[in-house]
Amino acid sequence: MRSFLFLIFPLMLGFLACQKAEEEPSEPNLKSSVASFTDTSANLVGEVVSFGNQTVTEIGICYGLTPKPTTGSFVVSRPAATGQFAVPITGLLPRTTYYVRSYARNFSTTWYSNETSFTTDLKVGSRYRGGVVFYLDAASSSGLVAAEPLTAQKWGCPGEDVSNTSVLLYQGFTNTSRIFSNCFDLQTAGRTCFDFAVNGFSDWYLPSRDELDAYRQSALGVSRAGRFWSSSQFDVDKAWSVDFSAGLSQPQSKADTLQVLPIRSF
């Protein structure tokens, strides 16, 4: 009898262990990664290593602007299958962080992978902060964007001194504020930019000479022609203009009518 018990006891333990293993659920093993990205697109990769012992009806990738995105965020779905799957996405915002997770689900449960993230690029030509980027300062992460040119205007106030304007980068806003405060002609290039609002931004200004020349030298400027006003005064009768066709800066009579390009900094 004792020998019989020694024989059957290990068998009973093995049976109970197998029964317990069968009863414990095993969740899907999921992974996610980012293969590449640009300023407005990304190539995401999801992977289903295994389904565990679950019945899965759908897999995919979810992504969003906040951590731990769910299937209530942006979702790209795929039929249920193991292995890697690629998900290209477009329409992203430049210089923006996105969070990514793979998922698997059935009619009652959703499982998620580890979270990964990426921050989109920002480059000349990106649509950003109300306009199109034409200048980037890599050292400070700042830059300049431009809107579309407005109706041609005079610089205004010939014979009047708008003092202390600068020709340098990032000085156009201060220049334009001085024009607005000291030149009271209504239809002027500076006032038109100062009053301009588009795409949720109202801090546009007439660019300084060097800002305008930076636009001329950018990929955006090659498609422009003609002469544009800067906000930099040359003397009481003239202000600096930039001739996009000839590729040069020159003083111009404030009474002349030239093209107007509103810009803003970020």
C-alpha atoms as a PDB file:
ATOM      1  CA  MET A   1       0.000   0.000   0.000  1.00  0.00           C
ATOM      2  CA  ARG A   2       2.774   2.408   0.922  1.00  0.00           C
ATOM      3  CA  SER A   3       4.572   1.668  -2.363  1.00  0.00           C
ATOM      4  CA  PHE A   4       1.371   2.388  -4.274  1.00  0.00           C
ATOM      5  CA  LEU A   5       1.044   5.814  -2.623  1.00  0.00           C
ATOM      6  CA  PHE A   6       4.646   6.663  -3.458  1.00  0.00           C
ATOM      7  CA  LEU A   7       3.906   5.892  -7.093  1.00  0.00           C
ATOM      8  CA  ILE A   8       0.599   7.741  -7.455  1.00  0.00           C
ATOM      9  CA  PHE A   9       1.466  10.896  -5.470  1.00  0.00           C
ATOM     10  CA  PRO A  10       3.913  12.304  -8.072  1.00  0.00           C
ATOM     11  CA  LEU A  11       1.372  11.556 -10.799  1.00  0.00           C
ATOM     12  CA  MET A  12      -1.307  13.502  -8.952  1.00  0.00           C
ATOM     13  CA  LEU A  13       1.033  16.474  -8.467  1.00  0.00           C
ATOM     14  CA  GLY A  14       1.873  16.448 -12.177  1.00  0.00           C
ATOM     15  CA  PHE A  15      -1.816  16.323 -13.115  1.00  0.00           C
ATOM     16  CA  LEU A  16      -2.668  19.262 -10.833  1.00  0.00           C
ATOM     17  CA  ALA A  17       0.281  21.294 -12.176  1.00  0.00           C
ATOM     18  CA  CYS A  18      -0.820  20.731 -15.780  1.00  0.00           C
ATOM     19  CA  GLN A  19      -4.394  21.592 -14.919  1.00  0.00           C
ATOM     20  CA  LYS A  20      -3.258  24.852 -13.248  1.00  0.00           C
ATOM     21  CA  ALA A  21      -1.078  25.763 -16.240  1.00  0.00           C
ATOM     22  CA  GLU A  22      -4.017  25.224 -18.592  1.00  0.00           C
ATOM     23  CA  GLU A  23      -6.222  27.453 -16.478  1.00  0.00           C
ATOM     24  CA  GLU A  24      -3.787  30.418 -16.274  1.00  0.00           C
ATOM     25  CA  PRO A  25      -4.256  32.888 -19.162  1.00  0.00           C
ATOM     26  CA  SER A  26      -1.289  33.845 -21.346  1.00  0.00           C
ATOM     27  CA  GLU A  27      -1.515  37.314 -22.875  1.00  0.00           C
ATOM     28  CA  PRO A  28      -0.331  38.285 -26.383  1.00  0.00           C
ATOM     29  CA  ASN A  29       3.328  39.288 -26.661  1.00  0.00           C
ATOM     30  CA  LEU A  30       3.462  42.607 -28.566  1.00  0.00           C
ATOM     31  CA  LYS A  31       6.209  45.033 -29.598  1.00  0.00           C
ATOM     32  CA  SER A  32       6.344  48.431 -31.306  1.00  0.00           C
ATOM     33  CA  SER A  33       9.101  50.568 -32.842  1.00  0.00           C
ATOM     34  CA  VAL A  34       9.674  53.529 -35.156  1.00  0.00           C
ATOM     35  CA  ALA A  35      11.603  52.777 -38.337  1.00  0.00           C
ATOM     36  CA  SER A  36      11.914  56.366 -39.623  1.00  0.00           C
ATOM     37  CA  PHE A  37      10.215  59.750 -39.599  1.00  0.00           C
ATOM     38  CA  THR A  38      10.284  63.172 -41.276  1.00  0.00           C
ATOM     39  CA  ASP A  39       8.603  66.479 -40.446  1.00  0.00           C
ATOM     40  CA  THR A  40       5.100  65.247 -41.367  1.00  0.00           C
ATOM     41  CA  SER A  41       5.284  61.438 -41.696  1.00  0.00           C
ATOM     42  CA  ALA A  42       6.584  58.303 -39.998  1.00  0.00           C
ATOM     43  CA  ASN A  43       7.042  54.607 -40.644  1.00  0.00           C
ATOM     44  CA  LEU A  44       5.919  52.623 -37.592  1.00  0.00           C
ATOM     45  CA  VAL A  45       6.465  48.914 -37.007  1.00  0.00           C
ATOM     46  CA  GLY A  46       4.284  46.647 -34.912  1.00  0.00           C
ATOM     47  CA  GLU A  47       5.042  43.049 -34.038  1.00  0.00           C
ATOM     48  CA  VAL A  48       2.977  40.188 -32.675  1.00  0.00           C
ATOM     49  CA  VAL A  49       5.420  37.672 -31.227  1.00  0.00           C
ATOM     50  CA  SER A  50       2.578  35.400 -30.133  1.00  0.00           C
ATOM     51  CA  PHE A  51      -1.106  35.489 -29.257  1.00  0.00           C
ATOM     52  CA  GLY A  52      -0.510  33.562 -26.030  1.00  0.00           C
ATOM     53  CA  ASN A  53      -3.585  31.435 -25.437  1.00  0.00           C
ATOM     54  CA  GLN A  54      -5.970  34.253 -26.389  1.00  0.00           C
ATOM     55  CA  THR A  55      -8.352  34.525 -29.310  1.00  0.00           C
ATOM     56  CA  VAL A  56      -7.390  37.719 -31.172  1.00  0.00           C
ATOM     57  CA  THR A  57      -9.555  39.252 -33.895  1.00  0.00           C
ATOM     58  CA  GLU A  58      -7.617  42.440 -34.691  1.00  0.00           C
ATOM     59  CA  ILE A  59      -4.138  43.893 -34.348  1.00  0.00           C
ATOM     60  CA  GLY A  60      -2.744  47.338 -35.140  1.00  0.00           C
ATOM     61  CA  ILE A  61      -0.939  50.437 -33.968  1.00  0.00           C
ATOM     62  CA  CYS A  62      -2.335  53.363 -32.030  1.00  0.00           C
ATOM     63  CA  TYR A  63      -0.560  56.706 -31.685  1.00  0.00           C
ATOM     64  CA  GLY A  64      -1.255  60.121 -30.221  1.00  0.00           C
ATOM     65  CA  LEU A  65       0.080  63.290 -28.628  1.00  0.00           C
ATOM     66  CA  THR A  66      -0.112  62.012 -25.045  1.00  0.00           C
ATOM     67  CA  PRO A  67       1.576  59.014 -23.386  1.00  0.00           C
ATOM     68  CA  LYS A  68      -0.074  55.571 -23.406  1.00  0.00           C
ATOM     69  CA  PRO A  69      -2.229  55.999 -26.514  1.00  0.00           C
ATOM     70  CA  THR A  70      -5.213  53.678 -26.778  1.00  0.00           C
ATOM     71  CA  THR A  71      -7.563  52.501 -29.494  1.00  0.00           C
ATOM     72  CA  GLY A  72      -9.474  55.687 -28.747  1.00  0.00           C
ATOM     73  CA  SER A  73      -6.519  57.639 -30.221  1.00  0.00           C
ATOM     74  CA  PHE A  74      -5.348  57.515 -33.841  1.00  0.00           C
ATOM     75  CA  VAL A  75      -5.517  53.868 -34.946  1.00  0.00           C
ATOM     76  CA  VAL A  76      -4.330  51.857 -37.953  1.00  0.00           C
ATOM     77  CA  SER A  77      -5.665  48.281 -37.808  1.00  0.00           C
ATOM     78  CA  ARG A  78      -4.596  45.043 -39.473  1.00  0.00           C
ATOM     79  CA  PRO A  79      -6.079  41.507 -39.663  1.00  0.00           C
ATOM     80  CA  ALA A  80      -4.941  39.296 -36.793  1.00  0.00           C
ATOM     81  CA  ALA A  81      -1.647  37.553 -37.608  1.00  0.00           C
ATOM     82  CA  THR A  82       1.705  36.981 -35.944  1.00  0.00           C
ATOM     83  CA  GLY A  83       4.906  38.632 -37.148  1.00  0.00           C
ATOM     84  CA  GLN A  84       5.885  42.192 -37.973  1.00  0.00           C
ATOM     85  CA  PHE A  85       3.649  44.660 -39.808  1.00  0.00           C
ATOM     86  CA  ALA A  86       4.495  48.117 -41.179  1.00  0.00           C
ATOM     87  CA  VAL A  87       2.291  51.154 -40.682  1.00  0.00           C
ATOM     88  CA  PRO A  88       3.149  54.323 -42.667  1.00  0.00           C
ATOM     89  CA  ILE A  89       1.398  57.455 -41.370  1.00  0.00           C
ATOM     90  CA  THR A  90       1.202  60.961 -42.796  1.00  0.00           C
ATOM     91  CA  GLY A  91      -0.289  64.322 -41.853  1.00  0.00           C
ATOM     92  CA  LEU A  92       1.802  64.741 -38.697  1.00  0.00           C
ATOM     93  CA  LEU A  93       2.758  68.092 -37.188  1.00  0.00           C
ATOM     94  CA  PRO A  94       6.404  69.226 -37.410  1.00  0.00           C
ATOM     95  CA  ARG A  95       8.510  69.342 -34.215  1.00  0.00           C
ATOM     96  CA  THR A  96       5.866  67.388 -32.288  1.00  0.00           C
ATOM     97  CA  THR A  97       6.269  64.335 -30.031  1.00  0.00           C
ATOM     98  CA  TYR A  98       4.070  61.319 -30.781  1.00  0.00           C
ATOM     99  CA  TYR A  99       3.590  58.222 -28.612  1.00  0.00           C
ATOM    100  CA  VAL A 100       3.101  54.770 -30.132  1.00  0.00           C
ATOM    101  CA  ARG A 101       1.867  51.344 -28.974  1.00  0.00           C
ATOM    102  CA  SER A 102       0.911  48.168 -30.785  1.00  0.00           C
ATOM    103  CA  TYR A 103      -2.319  46.509 -29.750  1.00  0.00           C
ATOM    104  CA  ALA A 104      -4.244  43.286 -30.105  1.00  0.00           C
ATOM    105  CA  ARG A 105      -7.885  42.806 -29.197  1.00  0.00           C
ATOM    106  CA  ASN A 106     -10.971  40.664 -29.344  1.00  0.00           C
ATOM    107  CA  PHE A 107     -14.575  41.493 -28.531  1.00  0.00           C
ATOM    108  CA  SER A 108     -13.916  41.903 -24.803  1.00  0.00           C
ATOM    109  CA  THR A 109     -10.242  42.704 -24.179  1.00  0.00           C
ATOM    110  CA  THR A 110      -7.451  44.899 -25.605  1.00  0.00           C
ATOM    111  CA  TRP A 111      -3.751  44.297 -24.955  1.00  0.00           C
ATOM    112  CA  TYR A 112      -0.962  46.825 -25.574  1.00  0.00           C
ATOM    113  CA  SER A 113       2.767  46.643 -26.251  1.00  0.00           C
ATOM    114  CA  ASN A 114       5.567  48.655 -24.745  1.00  0.00           C
ATOM    115  CA  GLU A 115       5.360  52.381 -25.543  1.00  0.00           C
ATOM    116  CA  THR A 116       7.785  54.139 -27.863  1.00  0.00           C
ATOM    117  CA  SER A 117       7.902  57.770 -29.000  1.00  0.00           C
ATOM    118  CA  PHE A 118       9.456  60.043 -31.594  1.00  0.00           C
ATOM    119  CA  THR A 119       9.593  63.780 -32.312  1.00  0.00           C
ATOM    120  CA  THR A 120       9.066  64.870 -35.894  1.00  0.00           C
ATOM    121  CA  ASP A 121      11.612  66.986 -37.705  1.00  0.00           C
ATOM    122  CA  LEU A 122      11.385  70.661 -38.579  1.00  0.00           C
ATOM    123  CA  LYS A 123      12.934  71.918 -41.811  1.00  0.00           C
ATOM    124  CA  VAL A 124      12.761  74.739 -44.320  1.00  0.00           C
ATOM    125  CA  GLY A 125       9.471  74.291 -46.137  1.00  0.00           C
ATOM    126  CA  SER A 126       7.616  72.798 -43.143  1.00  0.00           C
ATOM    127  CA  ARG A 127       4.232  74.310 -42.374  1.00  0.00           C
ATOM    128  CA  TYR A 128       4.619  75.456 -38.785  1.00  0.00           C
ATOM    129  CA  ARG A 129       3.234  78.052 -36.379  1.00  0.00           C
ATOM    130  CA  GLY A 130       0.964  79.718 -38.909  1.00  0.00           C
ATOM    131  CA  GLY A 131       3.291  79.876 -41.904  1.00  0.00           C
ATOM    132  CA  VAL A 132       6.048  78.125 -43.835  1.00  0.00           C
ATOM    133  CA  VAL A 133       9.540  77.832 -42.335  1.00  0.00           C
ATOM    134  CA  PHE A 134      12.193  79.677 -44.326  1.00  0.00           C
ATOM    135  CA  TYR A 135      14.950  80.095 -41.715  1.00  0.00           C
ATOM    136  CA  LEU A 136      16.161  77.858 -38.891  1.00  0.00           C
ATOM    137  CA  ASP A 137      18.731  78.657 -36.215  1.00  0.00           C
ATOM    138  CA  ALA A 138      20.105  75.252 -35.215  1.00  0.00           C
ATOM    139  CA  ALA A 139      21.918  76.663 -32.182  1.00  0.00           C
ATOM    140  CA  SER A 140      18.789  78.030 -30.487  1.00  0.00           C
ATOM    141  CA  SER A 141      15.980  75.975 -32.111  1.00  0.00           C
ATOM    142  CA  SER A 142      14.388  79.256 -33.171  1.00  0.00           C
ATOM    143  CA  GLY A 143      13.410  80.296 -36.664  1.00  0.00           C
ATOM    144  CA  LEU A 144      11.220  82.334 -38.978  1.00  0.00           C
ATOM    145  CA  VAL A 145       8.062  81.534 -40.923  1.00  0.00           C
ATOM    146  CA  ALA A 146       6.369  83.478 -43.705  1.00  0.00           C
ATOM    147  CA  ALA A 147       2.797  83.855 -44.857  1.00  0.00           C
ATOM    148  CA  GLU A 148       1.777  84.547 -48.436  1.00  0.00           C
ATOM    149  CA  PRO A 149       2.616  88.051 -49.766  1.00  0.00           C
ATOM    150  CA  LEU A 150      -0.022  90.729 -49.176  1.00  0.00           C
ATOM    151  CA  THR A 151      -1.196  93.575 -51.393  1.00  0.00           C
ATOM    152  CA  ALA A 152       1.675  95.836 -52.468  1.00  0.00           C
ATOM    153  CA  GLN A 153       1.985  98.997 -50.360  1.00  0.00           C
ATOM    154  CA  LYS A 154       4.135 102.087 -49.863  1.00  0.00           C
ATOM    155  CA  TRP A 155       6.612 102.103 -46.981  1.00  0.00           C
ATOM    156  CA  GLY A 156       5.044 105.407 -45.963  1.00  0.00           C
ATOM    157  CA  CYS A 157       5.986 108.625 -44.206  1.00  0.00           C
ATOM    158  CA  PRO A 158       8.655 109.990 -46.581  1.00  0.00           C
ATOM    159  CA  GLY A 159      10.598 112.804 -44.937  1.00  0.00           C
ATOM    160  CA  GLU A 160       9.830 111.473 -41.442  1.00  0.00           C
ATOM    161  CA  ASP A 161      12.431 109.726 -39.319  1.00  0.00           C
ATOM    162  CA  VAL A 162      11.525 106.315 -37.895  1.00  0.00           C
ATOM    163  CA  SER A 163      14.692 106.081 -35.838  1.00  0.00           C
ATOM    164  CA  ASN A 164      16.630 103.107 -34.489  1.00  0.00           C
ATOM    165  CA  THR A 165      15.433 100.452 -36.892  1.00  0.00           C
ATOM    166  CA  SER A 166      17.859  97.596 -37.465  1.00  0.00           C
ATOM    167  CA  VAL A 167      18.818  95.539 -40.527  1.00  0.00           C
ATOM    168  CA  LEU A 168      19.623  92.404 -38.452  1.00  0.00           C
ATOM    169  CA  LEU A 169      17.834  89.078 -38.045  1.00  0.00           C
ATOM    170  CA  TYR A 170      15.086  88.913 -35.392  1.00  0.00           C
ATOM    171  CA  GLN A 171      14.738  92.716 -35.389  1.00  0.00           C
ATOM    172  CA  GLY A 172      11.803  93.023 -37.766  1.00  0.00           C
ATOM    173  CA  PHE A 173       9.174  92.911 -35.022  1.00  0.00           C
ATOM    174  CA  THR A 174      10.802  95.793 -33.140  1.00  0.00           C
ATOM    175  CA  ASN A 175      11.204  97.718 -36.405  1.00  0.00           C
ATOM    176  CA  THR A 176       7.543  97.219 -37.300  1.00  0.00           C
ATOM    177  CA  SER A 177       6.430  98.328 -33.841  1.00  0.00           C
ATOM    178  CA  ARG A 178       8.449 101.538 -34.284  1.00  0.00           C
ATOM    179  CA  ILE A 179       6.900 102.133 -37.718  1.00  0.00           C
ATOM    180  CA  PHE A 180       3.432 101.627 -36.231  1.00  0.00           C
ATOM    181  CA  SER A 181       4.168 104.076 -33.402  1.00  0.00           C
ATOM    182  CA  ASN A 182       5.867 106.786 -35.482  1.00  0.00           C
ATOM    183  CA  CYS A 183       4.340 106.641 -38.956  1.00  0.00           C
ATOM    184  CA  PHE A 184       0.644 107.467 -39.049  1.00  0.00           C
ATOM    185  CA  ASP A 185      -0.010 106.935 -42.765  1.00  0.00           C
ATOM    186  CA  LEU A 186      -2.783 104.342 -42.905  1.00  0.00           C
ATOM    187  CA  GLN A 187      -1.869 102.322 -45.975  1.00  0.00           C
ATOM    188  CA  THR A 188       1.732 101.271 -45.338  1.00  0.00           C
ATOM    189  CA  ALA A 189       3.699  98.037 -45.543  1.00  0.00           C
ATOM    190  CA  GLY A 190       4.536  98.037 -41.834  1.00  0.00           C
ATOM    191  CA  ARG A 191       0.997  98.761 -40.634  1.00  0.00           C
ATOM    192  CA  THR A 192      -0.451  96.138 -42.988  1.00  0.00           C
ATOM    193  CA  CYS A 193       1.802  93.458 -41.473  1.00  0.00           C
ATOM    194  CA  PHE A 194       1.234  94.738 -37.925  1.00  0.00           C
ATOM    195  CA  ASP A 195      -2.551  94.355 -38.381  1.00  0.00           C
ATOM    196  CA  PHE A 196      -2.310  91.007 -40.173  1.00  0.00           C
ATOM    197  CA  ALA A 197      -3.700  87.824 -38.572  1.00  0.00           C
ATOM    198  CA  VAL A 198      -3.946  84.323 -40.030  1.00  0.00           C
ATOM    199  CA  ASN A 199      -3.954  80.684 -38.874  1.00  0.00           C
ATOM    200  CA  GLY A 200      -4.463  81.702 -35.247  1.00  0.00           C
ATOM    201  CA  PHE A 201      -1.457  84.059 -35.072  1.00  0.00           C
ATOM    202  CA  SER A 202      -1.557  87.858 -34.941  1.00  0.00           C
ATOM    203  CA  ASP A 203       2.107  88.728 -34.231  1.00  0.00           C
ATOM    204  CA  TRP A 204       3.189  89.098 -37.845  1.00  0.00           C
ATOM    205  CA  TYR A 205       5.564  91.849 -38.881  1.00  0.00           C
ATOM    206  CA  LEU A 206       7.446  93.367 -41.811  1.00  0.00           C
ATOM    207  CA  PRO A 207      10.861  91.656 -41.971  1.00  0.00           C
ATOM    208  CA  SER A 208      14.130  93.457 -41.418  1.00  0.00           C
ATOM    209  CA  ARG A 209      16.509  93.691 -44.368  1.00  0.00           C
ATOM    210  CA  ASP A 210      18.492  90.601 -43.323  1.00  0.00           C
ATOM    211  CA  GLU A 211      15.335  88.590 -42.546  1.00  0.00           C
ATOM    212  CA  LEU A 212      13.961  89.432 -45.976  1.00  0.00           C
ATOM    213  CA  ASP A 213      17.248  88.474 -47.605  1.00  0.00           C
ATOM    214  CA  ALA A 214      17.222  85.174 -45.686  1.00  0.00           C
ATOM    215  CA  TYR A 215      13.831  84.464 -47.257  1.00  0.00           C
ATOM    216  CA  ARG A 216      15.190  85.376 -50.711  1.00  0.00           C
ATOM    217  CA  GLN A 217      18.056  82.909 -50.278  1.00  0.00           C
ATOM    218  CA  SER A 218      15.811  80.085 -49.042  1.00  0.00           C
ATOM    219  CA  ALA A 219      14.092  77.436 -51.132  1.00  0.00           C
ATOM    220  CA  LEU A 220      10.887  79.481 -50.838  1.00  0.00           C
ATOM    221  CA  GLY A 221      12.467  82.644 -52.208  1.00  0.00           C
ATOM    222  CA  VAL A 222      13.571  81.158 -55.508  1.00  0.00           C
ATOM    223  CA  SER A 223       9.968  81.143 -56.705  1.00  0.00           C
ATOM    224  CA  ARG A 224       9.481  84.860 -55.964  1.00  0.00           C
ATOM    225  CA  ALA A 225      10.286  87.790 -58.204  1.00  0.00           C
ATOM    226  CA  GLY A 226      10.228  91.561 -57.891  1.00  0.00           C
ATOM    227  CA  ARG A 227      11.048  93.931 -55.043  1.00  0.00           C
ATOM    228  CA  PHE A 228       9.881  93.631 -51.433  1.00  0.00           C
ATOM    229  CA  TRP A 229       9.896  96.112 -48.574  1.00  0.00           C
ATOM    230  CA  SER A 230      11.905  95.533 -45.422  1.00  0.00           C
ATOM    231  CA  SER A 231      11.154  97.288 -42.110  1.00  0.00           C
ATOM    232  CA  SER A 232      14.681  98.746 -41.979  1.00  0.00           C
ATOM    233  CA  GLN A 233      14.866 102.482 -42.641  1.00  0.00           C
ATOM    234  CA  PHE A 234      17.823 103.758 -44.688  1.00  0.00           C
ATOM    235  CA  ASP A 235      17.234 107.484 -44.110  1.00  0.00           C
ATOM    236  CA  VAL A 236      14.231 109.818 -43.705  1.00  0.00           C
ATOM    237  CA  ASP A 237      13.287 109.414 -47.385  1.00  0.00           C
ATOM    238  CA  LYS A 238      14.317 105.819 -48.092  1.00  0.00           C
ATOM    239  CA  ALA A 239      14.040 102.324 -46.636  1.00  0.00           C
ATOM    240  CA  TRP A 240      15.820  99.101 -47.496  1.00  0.00           C
ATOM    241  CA  SER A 241      14.227  96.857 -50.112  1.00  0.00           C
ATOM    242  CA  VAL A 242      15.287  93.474 -51.469  1.00  0.00           C
ATOM    243  CA  ASP A 243      15.100  92.764 -55.196  1.00  0.00           C
ATOM    244  CA  PHE A 244      14.378  89.054 -55.517  1.00  0.00           C
ATOM    245  CA  SER A 245      14.919  89.078 -59.279  1.00  0.00           C
ATOM    246  CA  ALA A 246      18.347  90.752 -59.135  1.00  0.00           C
ATOM    247  CA  GLY A 247      19.356  89.212 -55.805  1.00  0.00           C
ATOM    248  CA  LEU A 248      20.393  92.422 -54.075  1.00  0.00           C
ATOM    249  CA  SER A 249      19.394  94.840 -51.320  1.00  0.00           C
ATOM    250  CA  GLN A 250      19.073  98.537 -52.074  1.00  0.00           C
ATOM    251  CA  PRO A 251      17.563 101.752 -50.618  1.00  0.00           C
ATOM    252  CA  GLN A 252      14.180 102.653 -52.107  1.00  0.00           C
ATOM    253  CA  SER A 253      11.986 105.738 -51.878  1.00  0.00           C
ATOM    254  CA  LYS A 254       9.414 105.346 -49.119  1.00  0.00           C
ATOM    255  CA  ALA A 255       6.802 106.649 -51.553  1.00  0.00           C
ATOM    256  CA  ASP A 256       7.271 103.690 -53.931  1.00  0.00           C
ATOM    257  CA  THR A 257       4.854 100.766 -53.925  1.00  0.00           C
ATOM    258  CA  LEU A 258       6.542  97.373 -53.417  1.00  0.00           C
ATOM    259  CA  GLN A 259       5.488  93.866 -52.435  1.00  0.00           C
ATOM    260  CA  VAL A 260       4.849  93.042 -48.756  1.00  0.00           C
ATOM    261  CA  LEU A 261       5.766  89.768 -47.046  1.00  0.00           C
ATOM    262  CA  PRO A 262       4.506  89.215 -43.464  1.00  0.00           C
ATOM    263  CA  ILE A 263       6.675  86.970 -41.291  1.00  0.00           C
ATOM    264  CA  ARG A 264       6.840  85.903 -37.645  1.00  0.00           C
ATOM    265  CA  SER A 265       9.451  84.303 -35.417  1.00  0.00           C
ATOM    266  CA  PHE A 266       9.261  81.246 -33.136  1.00  0.00           C
END
